Amino acid sequence: MRPALAALFLLLPLAALAETPDLQRVTYECERGVTLPVIYVNGPDEHAQAVAWIEGGLRILRIARSASGARYREGEAGYEIWGKGDMAVLSYGPEDAQTVLLSQCRALPG
């Protein structure tokens, strides 16, 4: 619960940009039983972002261009979450040399 609360505090400045951001909390279950908690902040396209607890740290990923699905990146060489439907992939590294960390993440119900 603490990561989610911390994420909301980090998003307070974003709330000033929009009337009320649409928050969607999703927990993915991935291979080896790893869970990936994510809060999606849906706003105007250029302000949409995902806040995720990844490898022991809170990460803020901004919406990025994708051909299909929703793609969020942490800078040029950071983490990336690419989701489509109830599935997601977590990667790390520059776009042309990413390492897939978790490839079979499915959103848990509820």
Foldseek 3Di string as FASTA:
>chain_A
DVQVVVVVVVCVVVCVVDVGWDWDWWWWQFPPRDIKTKIWTDDPQQATWIWICPPNDIAIWHWDDDPAATKTHRPQFAWIWGDDDQFIWIWGTGPVDIDTDTGGIGTDDD
